[in-house]
N, C-alpha and C. Protein backbone atom coordinates (compact mmCIF):
# COMPACT_ATOMS: atom_id res chain seq x y z
N MET A 1 0.84 -1.19 0.00
CA MET A 1 0.00 0.00 0.00
C MET A 1 0.88 1.25 0.00
N ILE A 2 0.42 2.24 -0.70
CA ILE A 2 1.08 3.53 -0.75
C ILE A 2 0.05 4.57 -0.32
N LYS A 3 0.43 5.46 0.57
CA LYS A 3 -0.49 6.48 1.04
C LYS A 3 0.20 7.84 0.96
N GLY A 4 -0.54 8.86 0.49
CA GLY A 4 0.04 10.19 0.42
C GLY A 4 -0.95 11.26 0.02
N LYS A 5 -0.47 12.49 0.13
CA LYS A 5 -1.24 13.67 -0.29
C LYS A 5 -1.12 13.84 -1.80
N VAL A 6 -2.19 14.25 -2.42
CA VAL A 6 -2.27 14.38 -3.87
C VAL A 6 -1.83 15.75 -4.35
N TRP A 7 -1.00 15.73 -5.40
CA TRP A 7 -0.74 16.90 -6.25
C TRP A 7 -1.49 16.60 -7.54
N LYS A 8 -2.51 17.39 -7.86
CA LYS A 8 -3.43 17.05 -8.95
C LYS A 8 -3.27 17.97 -10.15
N TYR A 9 -3.23 17.36 -11.32
CA TYR A 9 -3.13 18.08 -12.59
C TYR A 9 -4.12 17.49 -13.58
N GLY A 10 -4.37 18.21 -14.66
CA GLY A 10 -5.38 17.81 -15.63
C GLY A 10 -4.82 17.01 -16.79
N ASP A 11 -5.41 17.23 -17.96
CA ASP A 11 -5.04 16.52 -19.19
C ASP A 11 -3.77 17.10 -19.80
N ASN A 12 -3.11 16.27 -20.59
CA ASN A 12 -2.01 16.67 -21.46
C ASN A 12 -0.85 17.36 -20.73
N ILE A 13 -0.48 16.85 -19.58
CA ILE A 13 0.71 17.34 -18.91
C ILE A 13 1.89 16.71 -19.65
N ASN A 14 2.50 17.51 -20.51
CA ASN A 14 3.54 16.95 -21.39
C ASN A 14 4.93 17.10 -20.77
N THR A 15 5.89 16.53 -21.45
CA THR A 15 7.26 16.53 -20.92
C THR A 15 7.86 17.93 -20.85
N ASP A 16 7.40 18.86 -21.70
CA ASP A 16 7.89 20.25 -21.62
C ASP A 16 7.35 20.96 -20.38
N ILE A 17 6.21 20.55 -19.88
CA ILE A 17 5.68 21.11 -18.63
C ILE A 17 6.43 20.52 -17.44
N ILE A 18 6.59 19.20 -17.45
CA ILE A 18 7.28 18.54 -16.35
C ILE A 18 8.74 18.97 -16.31
N SER A 19 9.38 18.97 -17.45
CA SER A 19 10.81 19.27 -17.58
C SER A 19 11.00 20.41 -18.57
N PRO A 20 10.87 21.67 -18.11
CA PRO A 20 10.95 22.80 -19.03
C PRO A 20 12.26 22.83 -19.82
N PRO A 21 12.18 22.98 -21.15
CA PRO A 21 13.37 22.94 -22.00
C PRO A 21 14.45 23.96 -21.62
N ALA A 22 14.08 25.07 -21.03
CA ALA A 22 15.07 26.10 -20.69
C ALA A 22 16.11 25.61 -19.68
N TYR A 23 15.83 24.49 -19.00
CA TYR A 23 16.73 24.02 -17.94
C TYR A 23 17.39 22.68 -18.28
N LEU A 24 17.32 22.28 -19.54
CA LEU A 24 17.86 20.98 -19.93
C LEU A 24 19.38 20.90 -19.83
N GLU A 25 20.05 22.02 -19.87
CA GLU A 25 21.52 21.99 -19.79
C GLU A 25 22.01 21.85 -18.35
N LEU A 26 21.12 22.00 -17.38
CA LEU A 26 21.48 21.83 -15.98
C LEU A 26 21.53 20.34 -15.64
N SER A 27 22.18 20.01 -14.55
CA SER A 27 22.12 18.63 -14.06
C SER A 27 20.67 18.34 -13.66
N ILE A 28 20.33 17.08 -13.59
CA ILE A 28 18.96 16.70 -13.18
C ILE A 28 18.67 17.28 -11.80
N LYS A 29 19.62 17.17 -10.90
CA LYS A 29 19.41 17.68 -9.54
C LYS A 29 19.12 19.18 -9.54
N ASP A 30 19.87 19.95 -10.33
CA ASP A 30 19.63 21.40 -10.39
C ASP A 30 18.36 21.75 -11.16
N ALA A 31 18.09 21.01 -12.22
CA ALA A 31 16.90 21.26 -13.03
C ALA A 31 15.62 20.91 -12.27
N ALA A 32 15.71 19.97 -11.34
CA ALA A 32 14.52 19.51 -10.62
C ALA A 32 13.78 20.64 -9.92
N GLN A 33 14.48 21.70 -9.53
CA GLN A 33 13.81 22.82 -8.85
C GLN A 33 12.83 23.55 -9.78
N TYR A 34 12.86 23.25 -11.08
CA TYR A 34 11.95 23.87 -12.05
C TYR A 34 10.87 22.90 -12.53
N THR A 35 10.79 21.72 -11.94
CA THR A 35 9.79 20.73 -12.34
C THR A 35 8.39 21.34 -12.24
N MET A 36 7.62 21.21 -13.29
CA MET A 36 6.24 21.69 -13.38
C MET A 36 6.11 23.22 -13.36
N ALA A 37 7.21 23.94 -13.43
CA ALA A 37 7.20 25.41 -13.29
C ALA A 37 6.25 26.13 -14.26
N PRO A 38 6.07 25.68 -15.50
CA PRO A 38 5.16 26.42 -16.39
C PRO A 38 3.72 26.52 -15.89
N ILE A 39 3.27 25.53 -15.10
CA ILE A 39 1.89 25.58 -14.62
C ILE A 39 1.78 25.61 -13.10
N ASP A 40 2.86 25.25 -12.41
CA ASP A 40 2.82 25.22 -10.95
C ASP A 40 4.21 25.53 -10.39
N PRO A 41 4.56 26.82 -10.32
CA PRO A 41 5.90 27.19 -9.86
C PRO A 41 6.18 26.78 -8.41
N ASN A 42 5.16 26.44 -7.66
CA ASN A 42 5.33 26.04 -6.26
C ASN A 42 5.62 24.54 -6.10
N PHE A 43 5.38 23.75 -7.13
CA PHE A 43 5.47 22.30 -7.01
C PHE A 43 6.82 21.83 -6.46
N ALA A 44 7.90 22.21 -7.10
CA ALA A 44 9.22 21.71 -6.70
C ALA A 44 9.60 22.14 -5.29
N LYS A 45 9.14 23.30 -4.87
CA LYS A 45 9.48 23.79 -3.52
C LYS A 45 8.64 23.08 -2.46
N ALA A 46 7.40 22.77 -2.77
CA ALA A 46 6.47 22.28 -1.76
C ALA A 46 6.26 20.76 -1.77
N TYR A 47 6.61 20.10 -2.85
CA TYR A 47 6.41 18.65 -2.92
C TYR A 47 7.20 17.97 -1.80
N GLN A 48 6.56 17.03 -1.15
CA GLN A 48 7.19 16.25 -0.07
C GLN A 48 7.29 14.79 -0.49
N ILE A 49 8.39 14.15 -0.16
CA ILE A 49 8.53 12.73 -0.45
C ILE A 49 7.36 12.00 0.19
N GLY A 50 6.72 11.15 -0.59
CA GLY A 50 5.53 10.43 -0.14
C GLY A 50 4.25 11.00 -0.71
N ASP A 51 4.30 12.25 -1.20
CA ASP A 51 3.14 12.81 -1.89
C ASP A 51 2.94 12.05 -3.20
N LEU A 52 1.74 12.13 -3.75
CA LEU A 52 1.41 11.40 -4.97
C LEU A 52 1.06 12.37 -6.10
N PHE A 53 1.61 12.11 -7.28
CA PHE A 53 1.40 12.93 -8.47
C PHE A 53 0.25 12.31 -9.25
N VAL A 54 -0.86 13.04 -9.40
CA VAL A 54 -2.05 12.53 -10.07
C VAL A 54 -2.41 13.46 -11.22
N ALA A 55 -2.68 12.88 -12.40
CA ALA A 55 -3.09 13.66 -13.56
C ALA A 55 -4.26 12.95 -14.23
N GLU A 56 -4.73 13.53 -15.31
CA GLU A 56 -5.85 12.91 -16.02
C GLU A 56 -5.34 12.25 -17.30
N HIS A 57 -5.86 12.64 -18.48
CA HIS A 57 -5.48 11.97 -19.73
C HIS A 57 -4.10 12.41 -20.23
N ASN A 58 -3.40 11.44 -20.84
CA ASN A 58 -2.23 11.70 -21.67
C ASN A 58 -1.04 12.27 -20.89
N LEU A 59 -0.77 11.74 -19.73
CA LEU A 59 0.37 12.22 -18.95
C LEU A 59 1.68 11.84 -19.64
N GLY A 60 2.54 12.82 -19.81
CA GLY A 60 3.88 12.59 -20.35
C GLY A 60 3.98 12.61 -21.85
N SER A 61 2.99 13.20 -22.53
CA SER A 61 3.07 13.29 -23.99
C SER A 61 4.19 14.25 -24.38
N GLY A 62 4.51 14.25 -25.65
CA GLY A 62 5.55 15.16 -26.14
C GLY A 62 6.85 14.41 -26.39
N SER A 63 7.93 15.00 -25.99
CA SER A 63 9.26 14.46 -26.23
C SER A 63 9.46 13.14 -25.50
N SER A 64 10.31 12.31 -26.03
CA SER A 64 10.63 11.03 -25.38
C SER A 64 11.79 11.17 -24.40
N ARG A 65 12.27 12.39 -24.19
CA ARG A 65 13.43 12.54 -23.30
C ARG A 65 13.11 12.06 -21.89
N GLU A 66 14.11 11.46 -21.30
CA GLU A 66 13.96 10.86 -19.99
C GLU A 66 14.06 11.89 -18.86
N THR A 67 14.36 13.14 -19.18
CA THR A 67 14.53 14.14 -18.11
C THR A 67 13.26 14.37 -17.32
N ALA A 68 12.10 14.22 -17.93
CA ALA A 68 10.86 14.48 -17.20
C ALA A 68 10.70 13.51 -16.02
N PRO A 69 10.73 12.20 -16.21
CA PRO A 69 10.64 11.34 -15.04
C PRO A 69 11.86 11.43 -14.13
N LEU A 70 13.03 11.72 -14.68
CA LEU A 70 14.22 11.87 -13.84
C LEU A 70 14.11 13.06 -12.90
N MET A 71 13.54 14.16 -13.40
CA MET A 71 13.34 15.33 -12.54
C MET A 71 12.31 15.04 -11.45
N LEU A 72 11.24 14.32 -11.81
CA LEU A 72 10.26 13.92 -10.80
C LEU A 72 10.93 13.06 -9.73
N LYS A 73 11.73 12.10 -10.17
CA LYS A 73 12.41 11.21 -9.22
C LYS A 73 13.37 11.98 -8.33
N ALA A 74 14.06 12.97 -8.89
CA ALA A 74 15.01 13.77 -8.10
C ALA A 74 14.29 14.52 -6.98
N LEU A 75 13.02 14.85 -7.18
CA LEU A 75 12.23 15.51 -6.13
C LEU A 75 11.68 14.52 -5.11
N GLY A 76 11.75 13.24 -5.42
CA GLY A 76 11.23 12.24 -4.51
C GLY A 76 9.92 11.62 -4.94
N VAL A 77 9.45 11.94 -6.16
CA VAL A 77 8.22 11.33 -6.66
C VAL A 77 8.49 9.85 -6.89
N ARG A 78 7.67 9.01 -6.28
CA ARG A 78 7.82 7.56 -6.43
C ARG A 78 6.60 6.92 -7.09
N THR A 79 5.49 7.68 -7.16
CA THR A 79 4.26 7.15 -7.75
C THR A 79 3.57 8.24 -8.56
N VAL A 80 3.18 7.90 -9.79
CA VAL A 80 2.36 8.78 -10.61
C VAL A 80 1.11 7.99 -11.01
N ILE A 81 -0.02 8.68 -10.99
CA ILE A 81 -1.30 8.05 -11.31
C ILE A 81 -1.98 8.91 -12.36
N ALA A 82 -2.49 8.29 -13.41
CA ALA A 82 -3.19 9.02 -14.46
C ALA A 82 -4.22 8.11 -15.12
N LYS A 83 -5.16 8.75 -15.82
CA LYS A 83 -6.13 7.95 -16.59
C LYS A 83 -5.40 7.15 -17.65
N ASP A 84 -4.44 7.79 -18.30
CA ASP A 84 -3.60 7.11 -19.29
C ASP A 84 -2.32 7.92 -19.48
N PHE A 85 -1.33 7.25 -20.03
CA PHE A 85 0.02 7.80 -20.17
C PHE A 85 0.46 7.76 -21.62
N ALA A 86 1.34 8.69 -21.99
CA ALA A 86 2.08 8.52 -23.23
C ALA A 86 2.98 7.31 -23.03
N ARG A 87 3.05 6.44 -24.00
CA ARG A 87 3.72 5.15 -23.87
C ARG A 87 5.18 5.28 -23.44
N ILE A 88 5.93 6.17 -24.06
CA ILE A 88 7.36 6.28 -23.74
C ILE A 88 7.55 6.84 -22.32
N PHE A 89 6.74 7.80 -21.92
CA PHE A 89 6.84 8.34 -20.56
C PHE A 89 6.54 7.24 -19.53
N TYR A 90 5.50 6.46 -19.79
CA TYR A 90 5.15 5.36 -18.89
C TYR A 90 6.33 4.42 -18.72
N ARG A 91 6.91 4.03 -19.83
CA ARG A 91 8.04 3.08 -19.77
C ARG A 91 9.26 3.73 -19.11
N ASN A 92 9.52 5.00 -19.40
CA ASN A 92 10.64 5.68 -18.75
C ASN A 92 10.44 5.72 -17.23
N CYS A 93 9.21 5.95 -16.78
CA CYS A 93 8.95 5.94 -15.34
C CYS A 93 9.33 4.59 -14.74
N ILE A 94 8.82 3.52 -15.31
CA ILE A 94 9.12 2.17 -14.81
C ILE A 94 10.62 1.92 -14.85
N ASN A 95 11.27 2.29 -15.95
CA ASN A 95 12.70 2.02 -16.10
C ASN A 95 13.56 2.71 -15.06
N ILE A 96 13.10 3.84 -14.51
CA ILE A 96 13.91 4.52 -13.49
C ILE A 96 13.36 4.29 -12.08
N GLY A 97 12.31 3.48 -11.96
CA GLY A 97 11.82 3.10 -10.65
C GLY A 97 10.66 3.91 -10.11
N ILE A 98 9.93 4.62 -10.97
CA ILE A 98 8.72 5.32 -10.56
C ILE A 98 7.52 4.44 -10.92
N LEU A 99 6.67 4.18 -9.95
CA LEU A 99 5.47 3.39 -10.17
C LEU A 99 4.44 4.22 -10.92
N ALA A 100 4.01 3.75 -12.08
CA ALA A 100 3.02 4.44 -12.92
C ALA A 100 1.74 3.60 -12.92
N ILE A 101 0.66 4.20 -12.44
CA ILE A 101 -0.60 3.47 -12.26
C ILE A 101 -1.69 4.14 -13.09
N GLU A 102 -2.43 3.33 -13.85
CA GLU A 102 -3.57 3.83 -14.61
C GLU A 102 -4.85 3.69 -13.79
N CYS A 103 -5.61 4.79 -13.74
CA CYS A 103 -6.88 4.80 -13.01
C CYS A 103 -7.85 5.68 -13.79
N ALA A 104 -8.96 5.12 -14.22
CA ALA A 104 -9.94 5.85 -15.03
C ALA A 104 -10.68 6.94 -14.25
N SER A 105 -10.54 6.95 -12.94
CA SER A 105 -11.31 7.88 -12.10
C SER A 105 -10.49 9.03 -11.52
N THR A 106 -9.36 9.35 -12.12
CA THR A 106 -8.54 10.43 -11.53
C THR A 106 -9.25 11.78 -11.54
N ASP A 107 -10.27 11.94 -12.38
CA ASP A 107 -11.03 13.19 -12.38
C ASP A 107 -11.80 13.39 -11.07
N LYS A 108 -11.99 12.33 -10.32
CA LYS A 108 -12.70 12.41 -9.03
C LYS A 108 -11.76 12.72 -7.86
N ILE A 109 -10.46 12.64 -8.11
CA ILE A 109 -9.45 12.91 -7.08
C ILE A 109 -9.07 14.38 -7.16
N ARG A 110 -8.97 15.03 -6.00
CA ARG A 110 -8.70 16.47 -5.95
C ARG A 110 -7.34 16.78 -5.33
N GLN A 111 -6.87 17.99 -5.62
CA GLN A 111 -5.65 18.50 -4.99
C GLN A 111 -5.79 18.38 -3.47
N ASP A 112 -4.74 17.90 -2.82
CA ASP A 112 -4.65 17.77 -1.36
C ASP A 112 -5.47 16.64 -0.76
N ASP A 113 -6.23 15.89 -1.56
CA ASP A 113 -6.84 14.68 -1.02
C ASP A 113 -5.73 13.77 -0.52
N VAL A 114 -6.04 12.94 0.44
CA VAL A 114 -5.12 11.89 0.88
C VAL A 114 -5.67 10.58 0.36
N ILE A 115 -4.86 9.88 -0.42
CA ILE A 115 -5.30 8.62 -1.00
C ILE A 115 -4.36 7.50 -0.59
N GLU A 116 -4.91 6.31 -0.61
CA GLU A 116 -4.15 5.10 -0.33
C GLU A 116 -4.29 4.19 -1.55
N VAL A 117 -3.17 3.72 -2.06
CA VAL A 117 -3.16 2.94 -3.29
C VAL A 117 -2.78 1.50 -2.98
N ASP A 118 -3.68 0.59 -3.29
CA ASP A 118 -3.40 -0.85 -3.19
C ASP A 118 -3.10 -1.31 -4.61
N TYR A 119 -1.84 -1.20 -5.01
CA TYR A 119 -1.45 -1.46 -6.40
C TYR A 119 -1.49 -2.95 -6.74
N LEU A 120 -1.41 -3.82 -5.75
CA LEU A 120 -1.47 -5.25 -6.02
C LEU A 120 -2.89 -5.72 -6.33
N ASN A 121 -3.87 -5.11 -5.67
CA ASN A 121 -5.27 -5.49 -5.88
C ASN A 121 -6.03 -4.53 -6.78
N GLY A 122 -5.38 -3.45 -7.22
CA GLY A 122 -6.01 -2.53 -8.16
C GLY A 122 -7.10 -1.67 -7.56
N MET A 123 -6.79 -1.02 -6.42
CA MET A 123 -7.80 -0.18 -5.77
C MET A 123 -7.14 1.06 -5.17
N ILE A 124 -7.83 2.19 -5.29
CA ILE A 124 -7.41 3.44 -4.67
C ILE A 124 -8.51 3.86 -3.71
N TYR A 125 -8.13 4.14 -2.48
CA TYR A 125 -9.06 4.59 -1.44
C TYR A 125 -8.79 6.05 -1.16
N ASN A 126 -9.80 6.89 -1.31
CA ASN A 126 -9.66 8.31 -1.03
C ASN A 126 -10.03 8.52 0.44
N GLN A 127 -9.02 8.75 1.27
CA GLN A 127 -9.23 8.93 2.70
C GLN A 127 -9.99 10.23 3.00
N THR A 128 -9.89 11.20 2.12
CA THR A 128 -10.54 12.49 2.32
C THR A 128 -12.04 12.42 2.06
N THR A 129 -12.42 11.79 0.94
CA THR A 129 -13.84 11.74 0.55
C THR A 129 -14.51 10.41 0.88
N LYS A 130 -13.71 9.44 1.29
CA LYS A 130 -14.20 8.07 1.60
C LYS A 130 -14.65 7.31 0.35
N ALA A 131 -14.30 7.80 -0.82
CA ALA A 131 -14.62 7.10 -2.06
C ALA A 131 -13.50 6.10 -2.38
N HIS A 132 -13.79 5.19 -3.29
CA HIS A 132 -12.75 4.27 -3.77
C HIS A 132 -12.91 4.09 -5.27
N TYR A 133 -11.80 3.82 -5.91
CA TYR A 133 -11.75 3.74 -7.37
C TYR A 133 -10.90 2.54 -7.76
N SER A 134 -11.29 1.87 -8.81
CA SER A 134 -10.45 0.77 -9.29
C SER A 134 -9.33 1.34 -10.15
N CYS A 135 -8.21 0.65 -10.14
CA CYS A 135 -7.07 1.03 -10.97
C CYS A 135 -6.45 -0.26 -11.50
N HIS A 136 -5.52 -0.11 -12.43
CA HIS A 136 -4.87 -1.30 -12.96
C HIS A 136 -3.98 -1.92 -11.89
N LYS A 137 -4.03 -3.24 -11.80
CA LYS A 137 -3.12 -3.96 -10.92
C LYS A 137 -1.72 -3.91 -11.53
N ILE A 138 -0.73 -3.86 -10.68
CA ILE A 138 0.64 -3.83 -11.16
C ILE A 138 1.20 -5.26 -11.14
N PRO A 139 1.62 -5.77 -12.28
CA PRO A 139 2.15 -7.13 -12.34
C PRO A 139 3.43 -7.28 -11.51
N GLU A 140 3.68 -8.50 -11.06
CA GLU A 140 4.85 -8.77 -10.22
C GLU A 140 6.15 -8.38 -10.90
N HIS A 141 6.29 -8.64 -12.21
CA HIS A 141 7.56 -8.32 -12.88
C HIS A 141 7.80 -6.81 -12.93
N ILE A 142 6.74 -6.02 -13.03
CA ILE A 142 6.90 -4.56 -12.99
C ILE A 142 7.26 -4.12 -11.57
N MET A 143 6.60 -4.69 -10.57
CA MET A 143 6.92 -4.34 -9.18
C MET A 143 8.35 -4.74 -8.83
N ALA A 144 8.85 -5.81 -9.41
CA ALA A 144 10.24 -6.20 -9.17
C ALA A 144 11.18 -5.11 -9.67
N ILE A 145 10.91 -4.56 -10.84
CA ILE A 145 11.73 -3.47 -11.37
C ILE A 145 11.64 -2.25 -10.46
N ILE A 146 10.43 -1.88 -10.03
CA ILE A 146 10.23 -0.73 -9.14
C ILE A 146 10.96 -0.95 -7.83
N ASN A 147 10.81 -2.13 -7.25
CA ASN A 147 11.42 -2.43 -5.95
C ASN A 147 12.95 -2.42 -5.98
N HIS A 148 13.51 -2.63 -7.15
CA HIS A 148 14.97 -2.57 -7.30
C HIS A 148 15.45 -1.17 -7.65
N GLY A 149 14.53 -0.23 -7.78
CA GLY A 149 14.90 1.15 -8.09
C GLY A 149 15.03 1.45 -9.57
N GLY A 150 14.60 0.53 -10.40
CA GLY A 150 14.64 0.74 -11.84
C GLY A 150 15.21 -0.46 -12.57
N LEU A 151 15.12 -0.42 -13.89
CA LEU A 151 15.50 -1.55 -14.73
C LEU A 151 16.99 -1.88 -14.64
N ILE A 152 17.85 -0.88 -14.67
CA ILE A 152 19.29 -1.15 -14.66
C ILE A 152 19.69 -1.85 -13.36
N GLN A 153 19.22 -1.34 -12.22
CA GLN A 153 19.55 -1.99 -10.96
C GLN A 153 18.94 -3.38 -10.87
N TYR A 154 17.74 -3.53 -11.39
CA TYR A 154 17.10 -4.84 -11.42
C TYR A 154 17.97 -5.84 -12.19
N LEU A 155 18.43 -5.44 -13.38
CA LEU A 155 19.26 -6.33 -14.19
C LEU A 155 20.58 -6.64 -13.50
N LYS A 156 21.17 -5.66 -12.85
CA LYS A 156 22.41 -5.91 -12.10
C LYS A 156 22.17 -6.90 -10.97
N ASP A 157 21.09 -6.71 -10.24
CA ASP A 157 20.78 -7.60 -9.12
C ASP A 157 20.48 -9.01 -9.59
N VAL A 158 19.75 -9.14 -10.69
CA VAL A 158 19.44 -10.46 -11.23
C VAL A 158 20.71 -11.14 -11.70
N GLU A 159 21.61 -10.40 -12.35
CA GLU A 159 22.87 -10.96 -12.82
C GLU A 159 23.72 -11.44 -11.65
N LEU A 160 23.75 -10.68 -10.56
CA LEU A 160 24.51 -11.08 -9.38
C LEU A 160 23.99 -12.39 -8.81
N LYS A 161 22.68 -12.59 -8.86
CA LYS A 161 22.08 -13.82 -8.34
C LYS A 161 22.42 -15.02 -9.20
N THR A 162 22.59 -14.81 -10.50
CA THR A 162 22.84 -15.93 -11.41
C THR A 162 24.32 -16.26 -11.58
N THR A 163 25.19 -15.43 -11.06
CA THR A 163 26.64 -15.72 -11.20
C THR A 163 27.20 -16.33 -9.95
């Protein structure tokens, strides 16, 4: 189970919003302070580890650059929830160890709600409104990648076990 306060955004939060192009020459750590700045200049300053990033349709559209999920991870984002994701952004999240969950009811979740996510059974419980929503269950092989901190570490750990 994952529990946290919601940071809520709408449709079409693209990679240029998450990772503004003006800061691409900075290190990920330095650029992270500008995450979401085009629409929420307070996000990077106020986000707390354990908070949950929730959006609606088409999260992560635009460029395939990995800086968007890397900047989120640098701030401590470990879980993103959306109605649907741009395919490359979704995979980039998993590859670097961010849990990406699809939920058709994110429009019912509000800024600052506290939600609890049961990713194994595919359920989100809104502690603020007492509502619950179904979400996609996360397969064991994806959770293994997340639990190892991303695909590269997962592959290293698996290789160590087999040698």
